[in-house]
Amino acid sequence: MSKVFSARFVAGVRLFTTEPQSLYDALFKQPWVVFANQAFAGPKSVIEYLGRYTHKIGISNHRILNIQSDKVTFSYKDYRQAARKKHMSLPAHEFIRRFALHLLPNLDKPVPKRIKDK
């Protein structure tokens, strides 16, 4: 199973990168450990578990407090201050940019590296 998984994984990596062949050779020289265990509650529970993560949205409607032509106000929790609830207003284009960071990338094209905002 390790050989099959590593071959498929590296094949997927090759689709999105242009790394030298030496990198791929080095990946295959390393021992791969694949641990796959049967789900205790069956396949349906696995799908439900993954569904909770794959169908989340960037922000819930109830957190959007106000929308104006050039500004969006929303609530958020500041975990640096004991999860205190706060409000933030952003220019509409910045709100859309940040929201778009939560969308899945188009996997037909290489995914650009993202540098975290500070």
N, C-alpha and C. Protein backbone atom coordinates (compact mmCIF):
# COMPACT_ATOMS: atom_id res chain seq x y z
N MET A 1 0.82 -1.19 0.00
CA MET A 1 0.00 0.00 0.00
C MET A 1 0.87 1.26 0.00
N SER A 2 2.00 1.20 0.68
CA SER A 2 2.88 2.37 0.73
C SER A 2 3.39 2.76 -0.65
N LYS A 3 3.75 1.76 -1.46
CA LYS A 3 4.26 2.04 -2.80
C LYS A 3 3.19 2.67 -3.68
N VAL A 4 1.96 2.15 -3.57
CA VAL A 4 0.87 2.70 -4.38
C VAL A 4 0.57 4.13 -3.95
N PHE A 5 0.47 4.37 -2.63
CA PHE A 5 0.17 5.72 -2.15
C PHE A 5 1.27 6.70 -2.54
N SER A 6 2.53 6.32 -2.33
CA SER A 6 3.62 7.24 -2.64
C SER A 6 3.66 7.55 -4.14
N ALA A 7 3.40 6.56 -4.98
CA ALA A 7 3.40 6.80 -6.43
C ALA A 7 2.29 7.76 -6.82
N ARG A 8 1.10 7.56 -6.26
CA ARG A 8 -0.02 8.45 -6.59
C ARG A 8 0.20 9.85 -6.04
N PHE A 9 0.75 9.93 -4.83
CA PHE A 9 1.01 11.24 -4.24
C PHE A 9 2.02 12.02 -5.07
N VAL A 10 3.12 11.40 -5.41
CA VAL A 10 4.17 12.07 -6.19
C VAL A 10 3.63 12.43 -7.58
N ALA A 11 2.80 11.58 -8.16
CA ALA A 11 2.20 11.90 -9.46
C ALA A 11 1.35 13.17 -9.35
N GLY A 12 0.62 13.30 -8.25
CA GLY A 12 -0.18 14.51 -8.03
C GLY A 12 0.68 15.74 -7.83
N VAL A 13 1.78 15.59 -7.11
CA VAL A 13 2.69 16.72 -6.90
C VAL A 13 3.29 17.16 -8.23
N ARG A 14 3.62 16.23 -9.08
CA ARG A 14 4.20 16.56 -10.39
C ARG A 14 3.26 17.39 -11.25
N LEU A 15 1.97 17.20 -11.07
CA LEU A 15 1.00 17.97 -11.86
C LEU A 15 1.05 19.46 -11.56
N PHE A 16 1.42 19.81 -10.32
CA PHE A 16 1.33 21.20 -9.89
C PHE A 16 2.67 21.87 -9.63
N THR A 17 3.76 21.15 -9.84
CA THR A 17 5.08 21.75 -9.60
C THR A 17 6.01 21.43 -10.75
N THR A 18 7.10 22.14 -10.80
CA THR A 18 8.14 21.89 -11.80
C THR A 18 9.47 21.64 -11.10
N GLU A 19 9.43 20.77 -10.12
CA GLU A 19 10.64 20.45 -9.36
C GLU A 19 11.55 19.55 -10.19
N PRO A 20 12.85 19.56 -9.90
CA PRO A 20 13.78 18.70 -10.64
C PRO A 20 13.53 17.22 -10.33
N GLN A 21 13.91 16.36 -11.25
CA GLN A 21 13.71 14.92 -11.10
C GLN A 21 14.39 14.39 -9.83
N SER A 22 15.48 15.02 -9.42
CA SER A 22 16.20 14.55 -8.23
C SER A 22 15.32 14.61 -6.98
N LEU A 23 14.40 15.57 -6.91
CA LEU A 23 13.50 15.64 -5.76
C LEU A 23 12.60 14.41 -5.72
N TYR A 24 12.03 14.06 -6.86
CA TYR A 24 11.15 12.90 -6.91
C TYR A 24 11.90 11.61 -6.61
N ASP A 25 13.13 11.51 -7.11
CA ASP A 25 13.95 10.33 -6.81
C ASP A 25 14.20 10.22 -5.32
N ALA A 26 14.46 11.36 -4.68
CA ALA A 26 14.70 11.37 -3.23
C ALA A 26 13.45 10.97 -2.46
N LEU A 27 12.28 11.39 -2.95
CA LEU A 27 11.04 11.02 -2.28
C LEU A 27 10.82 9.51 -2.31
N PHE A 28 11.15 8.88 -3.43
CA PHE A 28 10.96 7.44 -3.53
C PHE A 28 11.99 6.65 -2.74
N LYS A 29 13.14 7.25 -2.44
CA LYS A 29 14.15 6.55 -1.65
C LYS A 29 13.78 6.48 -0.18
N GLN A 30 12.95 7.42 0.28
CA GLN A 30 12.52 7.45 1.67
C GLN A 30 11.47 6.38 1.91
N PRO A 31 11.52 5.71 3.07
CA PRO A 31 10.45 4.74 3.36
C PRO A 31 9.15 5.48 3.70
N TRP A 32 8.06 5.08 3.09
CA TRP A 32 6.75 5.68 3.35
C TRP A 32 5.98 4.77 4.28
N VAL A 33 5.36 5.35 5.28
CA VAL A 33 4.53 4.58 6.20
C VAL A 33 3.10 5.06 6.01
N VAL A 34 2.25 4.18 5.55
CA VAL A 34 0.85 4.51 5.34
C VAL A 34 0.04 3.70 6.34
N PHE A 35 -0.71 4.40 7.17
CA PHE A 35 -1.55 3.74 8.16
C PHE A 35 -3.00 4.01 7.81
N ALA A 36 -3.71 2.98 7.46
CA ALA A 36 -5.13 3.11 7.14
C ALA A 36 -5.89 2.11 8.00
N ASN A 37 -6.79 2.62 8.79
CA ASN A 37 -7.56 1.79 9.70
C ASN A 37 -9.02 1.85 9.31
N GLN A 38 -9.75 0.78 9.47
CA GLN A 38 -11.16 0.77 9.15
C GLN A 38 -11.90 1.69 10.12
N ALA A 39 -12.84 2.47 9.60
CA ALA A 39 -13.63 3.37 10.45
C ALA A 39 -14.48 2.53 11.40
N PHE A 40 -14.53 2.92 12.67
CA PHE A 40 -15.28 2.17 13.66
C PHE A 40 -16.77 2.12 13.35
N ALA A 41 -17.31 3.23 12.92
CA ALA A 41 -18.76 3.32 12.68
C ALA A 41 -19.10 3.13 11.20
N GLY A 42 -18.14 2.78 10.38
CA GLY A 42 -18.42 2.52 8.98
C GLY A 42 -18.16 3.71 8.08
N PRO A 43 -18.28 3.50 6.76
CA PRO A 43 -17.97 4.55 5.79
C PRO A 43 -18.87 5.78 5.90
N LYS A 44 -20.13 5.57 6.29
CA LYS A 44 -21.05 6.71 6.40
C LYS A 44 -20.54 7.73 7.42
N SER A 45 -19.99 7.25 8.53
CA SER A 45 -19.49 8.18 9.56
C SER A 45 -18.28 8.95 9.06
N VAL A 46 -17.47 8.33 8.21
CA VAL A 46 -16.30 9.02 7.64
C VAL A 46 -16.76 10.15 6.73
N ILE A 47 -17.75 9.89 5.89
CA ILE A 47 -18.29 10.92 4.99
C ILE A 47 -18.90 12.07 5.80
N GLU A 48 -19.64 11.76 6.84
CA GLU A 48 -20.23 12.81 7.68
C GLU A 48 -19.14 13.64 8.36
N TYR A 49 -18.10 12.98 8.85
CA TYR A 49 -16.99 13.68 9.50
C TYR A 49 -16.30 14.63 8.53
N LEU A 50 -15.96 14.13 7.33
CA LEU A 50 -15.29 14.98 6.34
C LEU A 50 -16.21 16.10 5.85
N GLY A 51 -17.49 15.82 5.75
CA GLY A 51 -18.46 16.82 5.31
C GLY A 51 -18.52 18.04 6.21
N ARG A 52 -18.31 17.84 7.48
CA ARG A 52 -18.32 18.98 8.42
C ARG A 52 -17.18 19.96 8.11
N TYR A 53 -16.11 19.48 7.52
CA TYR A 53 -14.96 20.32 7.23
C TYR A 53 -14.96 20.84 5.80
N THR A 54 -15.48 20.06 4.86
CA THR A 54 -15.44 20.49 3.47
C THR A 54 -16.57 21.42 3.09
N HIS A 55 -17.62 21.49 3.90
CA HIS A 55 -18.76 22.33 3.55
C HIS A 55 -18.88 23.56 4.45
N LYS A 56 -17.81 23.91 5.12
CA LYS A 56 -17.83 25.14 5.92
C LYS A 56 -17.70 26.34 4.99
N ILE A 57 -18.20 27.45 5.46
CA ILE A 57 -18.08 28.68 4.69
C ILE A 57 -17.15 29.64 5.42
N GLY A 58 -16.70 30.66 4.71
CA GLY A 58 -15.74 31.61 5.28
C GLY A 58 -16.31 32.44 6.42
N ILE A 59 -17.59 32.80 6.31
CA ILE A 59 -18.23 33.61 7.35
C ILE A 59 -19.73 33.35 7.30
N SER A 60 -20.35 33.20 8.46
CA SER A 60 -21.79 32.96 8.53
C SER A 60 -22.55 34.26 8.32
N ASN A 61 -23.75 34.14 7.77
CA ASN A 61 -24.57 35.33 7.51
C ASN A 61 -24.85 36.14 8.78
N HIS A 62 -25.04 35.47 9.91
CA HIS A 62 -25.38 36.20 11.13
C HIS A 62 -24.21 37.06 11.63
N ARG A 63 -22.99 36.79 11.16
CA ARG A 63 -21.84 37.60 11.58
C ARG A 63 -21.69 38.87 10.76
N ILE A 64 -22.34 38.93 9.60
CA ILE A 64 -22.29 40.15 8.78
C ILE A 64 -23.33 41.11 9.34
N LEU A 65 -22.87 42.23 9.88
CA LEU A 65 -23.76 43.16 10.59
C LEU A 65 -24.30 44.26 9.70
N ASN A 66 -23.49 44.72 8.73
CA ASN A 66 -23.91 45.84 7.89
C ASN A 66 -23.14 45.79 6.58
N ILE A 67 -23.86 46.07 5.50
CA ILE A 67 -23.24 46.15 4.19
C ILE A 67 -23.62 47.48 3.57
N GLN A 68 -22.60 48.25 3.24
CA GLN A 68 -22.81 49.51 2.53
C GLN A 68 -22.14 49.39 1.17
N SER A 69 -22.26 50.39 0.34
CA SER A 69 -21.71 50.29 -1.01
C SER A 69 -20.19 50.11 -1.01
N ASP A 70 -19.51 50.64 -0.01
CA ASP A 70 -18.05 50.57 0.00
C ASP A 70 -17.47 49.96 1.27
N LYS A 71 -18.34 49.41 2.16
CA LYS A 71 -17.83 48.94 3.45
C LYS A 71 -18.70 47.78 3.96
N VAL A 72 -18.04 46.80 4.59
CA VAL A 72 -18.73 45.67 5.21
C VAL A 72 -18.31 45.61 6.67
N THR A 73 -19.31 45.52 7.57
CA THR A 73 -19.04 45.40 9.00
C THR A 73 -19.47 44.01 9.45
N PHE A 74 -18.60 43.34 10.21
CA PHE A 74 -18.89 41.99 10.67
C PHE A 74 -18.34 41.79 12.06
N SER A 75 -18.83 40.75 12.73
CA SER A 75 -18.35 40.42 14.08
C SER A 75 -17.33 39.30 14.00
N TYR A 76 -16.46 39.26 14.99
CA TYR A 76 -15.45 38.20 15.08
C TYR A 76 -15.02 38.05 16.53
N LYS A 77 -14.38 36.95 16.84
CA LYS A 77 -13.86 36.73 18.19
C LYS A 77 -12.36 36.99 18.18
N ASP A 78 -11.91 37.82 19.12
CA ASP A 78 -10.49 38.11 19.25
C ASP A 78 -9.91 37.15 20.29
N TYR A 79 -9.27 36.09 19.82
CA TYR A 79 -8.74 35.08 20.74
C TYR A 79 -7.50 35.56 21.48
N ARG A 80 -6.95 36.67 21.08
CA ARG A 80 -5.83 37.25 21.83
C ARG A 80 -6.32 37.93 23.10
N GLN A 81 -7.64 38.21 23.13
CA GLN A 81 -8.24 38.85 24.31
C GLN A 81 -9.37 37.98 24.84
N ALA A 82 -9.07 36.75 25.14
CA ALA A 82 -10.01 35.80 25.75
C ALA A 82 -11.29 35.64 24.93
N ALA A 83 -11.16 35.56 23.63
CA ALA A 83 -12.29 35.34 22.71
C ALA A 83 -13.37 36.41 22.83
N ARG A 84 -12.93 37.61 23.11
CA ARG A 84 -13.88 38.73 23.22
C ARG A 84 -14.50 39.03 21.85
N LYS A 85 -15.80 39.22 21.80
CA LYS A 85 -16.48 39.50 20.55
C LYS A 85 -16.27 40.96 20.16
N LYS A 86 -15.83 41.16 18.90
CA LYS A 86 -15.56 42.51 18.41
C LYS A 86 -16.20 42.71 17.06
N HIS A 87 -16.22 43.94 16.60
CA HIS A 87 -16.72 44.27 15.26
C HIS A 87 -15.58 44.88 14.45
N MET A 88 -15.60 44.62 13.15
CA MET A 88 -14.60 45.18 12.26
C MET A 88 -15.30 45.65 10.99
N SER A 89 -14.88 46.80 10.51
CA SER A 89 -15.36 47.31 9.22
C SER A 89 -14.19 47.34 8.25
N LEU A 90 -14.44 46.81 7.06
CA LEU A 90 -13.42 46.77 6.03
C LEU A 90 -13.98 47.34 4.74
N PRO A 91 -13.11 47.92 3.92
CA PRO A 91 -13.57 48.28 2.57
C PRO A 91 -14.08 47.02 1.87
N ALA A 92 -15.09 47.16 1.04
CA ALA A 92 -15.72 46.00 0.40
C ALA A 92 -14.70 45.14 -0.35
N HIS A 93 -13.77 45.76 -1.08
CA HIS A 93 -12.80 44.97 -1.83
C HIS A 93 -11.89 44.15 -0.92
N GLU A 94 -11.54 44.68 0.25
CA GLU A 94 -10.69 43.94 1.19
C GLU A 94 -11.47 42.80 1.83
N PHE A 95 -12.75 43.03 2.15
CA PHE A 95 -13.58 41.96 2.70
C PHE A 95 -13.69 40.81 1.70
N ILE A 96 -13.92 41.13 0.44
CA ILE A 96 -14.04 40.10 -0.59
C ILE A 96 -12.71 39.37 -0.78
N ARG A 97 -11.60 40.10 -0.72
CA ARG A 97 -10.28 39.47 -0.85
C ARG A 97 -10.06 38.46 0.27
N ARG A 98 -10.37 38.86 1.50
CA ARG A 98 -10.17 37.96 2.64
C ARG A 98 -11.12 36.77 2.58
N PHE A 99 -12.36 37.01 2.16
CA PHE A 99 -13.32 35.91 2.03
C PHE A 99 -12.84 34.92 0.98
N ALA A 100 -12.30 35.43 -0.11
CA ALA A 100 -11.85 34.57 -1.21
C ALA A 100 -10.70 33.66 -0.79
N LEU A 101 -9.96 34.01 0.26
CA LEU A 101 -8.88 33.15 0.75
C LEU A 101 -9.42 31.82 1.27
N HIS A 102 -10.72 31.78 1.61
CA HIS A 102 -11.33 30.57 2.15
C HIS A 102 -11.92 29.68 1.07
N LEU A 103 -11.90 30.12 -0.18
CA LEU A 103 -12.45 29.33 -1.27
C LEU A 103 -11.42 28.31 -1.72
N LEU A 104 -11.89 27.19 -2.19
CA LEU A 104 -10.97 26.17 -2.68
C LEU A 104 -10.32 26.65 -3.97
N PRO A 105 -9.05 26.35 -4.16
CA PRO A 105 -8.37 26.78 -5.38
C PRO A 105 -8.83 25.98 -6.59
N ASN A 106 -8.62 26.54 -7.77
CA ASN A 106 -8.86 25.83 -9.01
C ASN A 106 -7.71 24.85 -9.20
N LEU A 107 -7.98 23.58 -9.09
CA LEU A 107 -6.91 22.59 -9.12
C LEU A 107 -6.40 22.29 -10.53
N ASP A 108 -7.01 22.94 -11.54
CA ASP A 108 -6.50 22.79 -12.90
C ASP A 108 -5.26 23.64 -13.13
N LYS A 109 -5.01 24.59 -12.23
CA LYS A 109 -3.87 25.50 -12.36
C LYS A 109 -3.00 25.37 -11.11
N PRO A 110 -1.72 25.69 -11.21
CA PRO A 110 -0.86 25.64 -10.01
C PRO A 110 -1.37 26.60 -8.94
N VAL A 111 -1.29 26.18 -7.70
CA VAL A 111 -1.76 26.97 -6.57
C VAL A 111 -0.63 27.90 -6.12
N PRO A 112 -0.85 29.23 -6.12
CA PRO A 112 0.20 30.12 -5.67
C PRO A 112 0.39 30.02 -4.16
N LYS A 113 1.60 30.28 -3.72
CA LYS A 113 1.86 30.28 -2.28
C LYS A 113 1.27 31.55 -1.69
N ARG A 114 0.67 31.43 -0.50
CA ARG A 114 0.05 32.56 0.16
C ARG A 114 0.90 32.97 1.35
N ILE A 115 1.14 34.25 1.46
CA ILE A 115 1.88 34.77 2.61
C ILE A 115 0.85 35.33 3.58
N LYS A 116 0.91 34.85 4.82
CA LYS A 116 -0.08 35.25 5.81
C LYS A 116 0.02 36.75 6.09
N ASP A 117 -1.16 37.39 6.13
CA ASP A 117 -1.21 38.81 6.45
C ASP A 117 -0.84 39.03 7.92
N LYS A 118 -0.18 40.13 8.20
CA LYS A 118 0.17 40.43 9.59
C LYS A 118 -0.43 41.75 9.97
